[in-house]
């Protein structure tokens, strides 16, 4: 059986109800998908708490190889890459990690680095 507790309104008690429901069930898995404040783990103390970081890939420009052609900037539909006369600027927070900028870069000046985007906490 799958049960979902949801609402668009904050402060309605979704997490409280979910915690109480989880306590009343013998064996269950709870996934807190709240984008702004996932805090279900605060309701349970555990000696076996584990924290795992979650990463995404973001472009990193090799300025020695980059010829400032602007192909990567033109390709990026999210305006995450901005081409100036002197350098390429990356807006990591708006990058969707499609890796397309690397494909269109003929100079092979784009590598990728990991950027932490969140944590998974198990209790």
Protein backbone atom coordinates (compact mmCIF):
# COMPACT_ATOMS: atom_id res chain seq x y z
CA UNK A 1 0.00 0.00 0.00
CA UNK A 2 1.22 3.52 -0.78
CA UNK A 3 0.00 6.56 1.14
CA UNK A 4 0.78 10.16 0.14
CA UNK A 5 0.29 13.19 2.36
CA UNK A 6 0.44 16.45 0.44
CA UNK A 7 -0.71 20.02 0.30
CA UNK A 8 0.49 23.21 -1.34
CA UNK A 9 0.01 25.16 1.86
CA UNK A 10 2.77 25.30 4.45
CA UNK A 11 2.08 24.74 8.14
CA UNK A 12 -0.86 22.38 7.67
CA UNK A 13 0.70 19.53 9.64
CA UNK A 14 1.76 17.23 6.82
CA UNK A 15 5.02 16.24 8.53
CA UNK A 16 3.34 15.76 11.92
CA UNK A 17 0.63 13.54 10.46
CA UNK A 18 3.21 11.58 8.46
CA UNK A 19 5.38 11.02 11.56
CA UNK A 20 2.43 9.78 13.61
CA UNK A 21 1.25 7.54 10.80
CA UNK A 22 4.76 6.11 10.42
CA UNK A 23 4.93 5.37 14.15
CA UNK A 24 1.61 3.53 14.02
CA UNK A 25 2.77 1.23 11.20
CA UNK A 26 5.09 -1.70 11.87
CA UNK A 27 7.23 -1.48 8.75
CA UNK A 28 7.23 1.54 6.48
CA UNK A 29 9.42 3.82 4.43
CA UNK A 30 8.90 7.58 4.57
CA UNK A 31 10.30 9.92 1.92
CA UNK A 32 10.19 13.64 2.70
CA UNK A 33 10.14 15.36 -0.69
CA UNK A 34 9.61 18.88 0.62
CA UNK A 35 11.84 21.03 -1.60
CA UNK A 36 12.10 23.99 0.76
CA UNK A 37 12.38 22.34 4.18
CA UNK A 38 12.61 18.54 4.31
CA UNK A 39 12.68 18.05 8.08
CA UNK A 40 11.04 14.70 8.73
CA UNK A 41 14.28 13.43 10.28
CA UNK A 42 13.81 15.87 13.18
CA UNK A 43 10.94 13.74 14.48
CA UNK A 44 13.09 10.64 14.96
CA UNK A 45 16.30 10.16 16.89
CA UNK A 46 18.44 7.33 15.62
CA UNK A 47 21.86 5.95 16.42
CA UNK A 48 22.02 4.62 12.86
CA UNK A 49 21.52 8.00 11.18
CA UNK A 50 23.39 8.19 7.86
CA UNK A 51 23.90 11.24 5.68
CA UNK A 52 24.67 10.98 1.97
CA UNK A 53 25.43 13.96 -0.24
CA UNK A 54 23.74 14.21 -3.64
CA UNK A 55 25.62 15.80 -6.52
CA UNK A 56 25.00 17.08 -10.02
CA UNK A 57 27.51 17.93 -12.72
CA UNK A 58 28.20 21.53 -13.72
CA UNK A 59 30.50 22.81 -16.47
CA UNK A 60 33.96 24.12 -15.78
CA UNK A 61 35.75 26.09 -18.51
CA UNK A 62 39.42 25.56 -19.31
CA UNK A 63 40.38 29.15 -20.15
CA UNK A 64 43.55 28.01 -21.92
CA UNK A 65 41.57 25.91 -24.42
CA UNK A 66 38.50 28.16 -24.69
CA UNK A 67 38.47 30.41 -27.77
CA UNK A 68 35.35 32.35 -26.63
CA UNK A 69 33.34 31.23 -29.67
CA UNK A 70 30.11 31.33 -27.64
CA UNK A 71 28.70 28.02 -28.93
CA UNK A 72 28.14 26.77 -25.38
CA UNK A 73 26.33 29.97 -24.42
CA UNK A 74 24.10 29.80 -27.50
CA UNK A 75 23.28 26.16 -26.83
CA UNK A 76 22.28 26.60 -23.16
CA UNK A 77 18.51 27.02 -22.98
CA UNK A 78 18.69 27.93 -19.27
CA UNK A 79 21.11 30.86 -19.66
CA UNK A 80 23.56 29.11 -17.36
CA UNK A 81 26.51 30.03 -19.55
CA UNK A 82 27.27 33.65 -20.42
CA UNK A 83 29.88 34.61 -22.98
CA UNK A 84 31.75 37.89 -22.44
CA UNK A 85 34.55 39.34 -24.56
CA UNK A 86 37.13 38.12 -22.03
CA UNK A 87 35.72 34.95 -20.45
CA UNK A 88 32.85 32.53 -20.03
CA UNK A 89 30.74 32.88 -16.88
CA UNK A 90 28.93 29.83 -15.48
CA UNK A 91 25.80 30.21 -13.34
CA UNK A 92 25.95 26.83 -11.61
CA UNK A 93 22.60 27.13 -9.84
CA UNK A 94 20.64 27.37 -13.09
CA UNK A 95 22.52 24.57 -14.88
CA UNK A 96 20.37 21.50 -15.59
CA UNK A 97 23.36 19.20 -16.21
CA UNK A 98 22.29 18.26 -19.72
CA UNK A 99 25.98 18.13 -20.78
CA UNK A 100 25.08 19.68 -24.14
CA UNK A 101 27.60 22.51 -23.76
CA UNK A 102 30.39 19.93 -23.80
CA UNK A 103 29.02 18.36 -26.97
CA UNK A 104 28.95 21.66 -28.91
CA UNK A 105 32.38 22.85 -27.68
CA UNK A 106 34.74 22.24 -30.61
CA UNK A 107 37.73 23.43 -28.56
CA UNK A 108 37.04 20.71 -25.94
CA UNK A 109 37.39 23.39 -23.25
CA UNK A 110 34.54 22.14 -21.05
CA UNK A 111 35.00 19.62 -18.28
CA UNK A 112 32.56 18.92 -15.47
CA UNK A 113 32.82 19.13 -11.73
CA UNK A 114 30.39 17.97 -9.08
CA UNK A 115 28.21 20.43 -7.18
CA UNK A 116 26.35 19.32 -4.07
CA UNK A 117 22.62 19.85 -4.45
CA UNK A 118 21.31 18.18 -1.31
CA UNK A 119 21.58 15.44 1.25
CA UNK A 120 19.78 12.18 1.89
CA UNK A 121 19.32 11.47 5.59
CA UNK A 122 18.31 8.01 6.74
CA UNK A 123 17.09 7.41 10.29
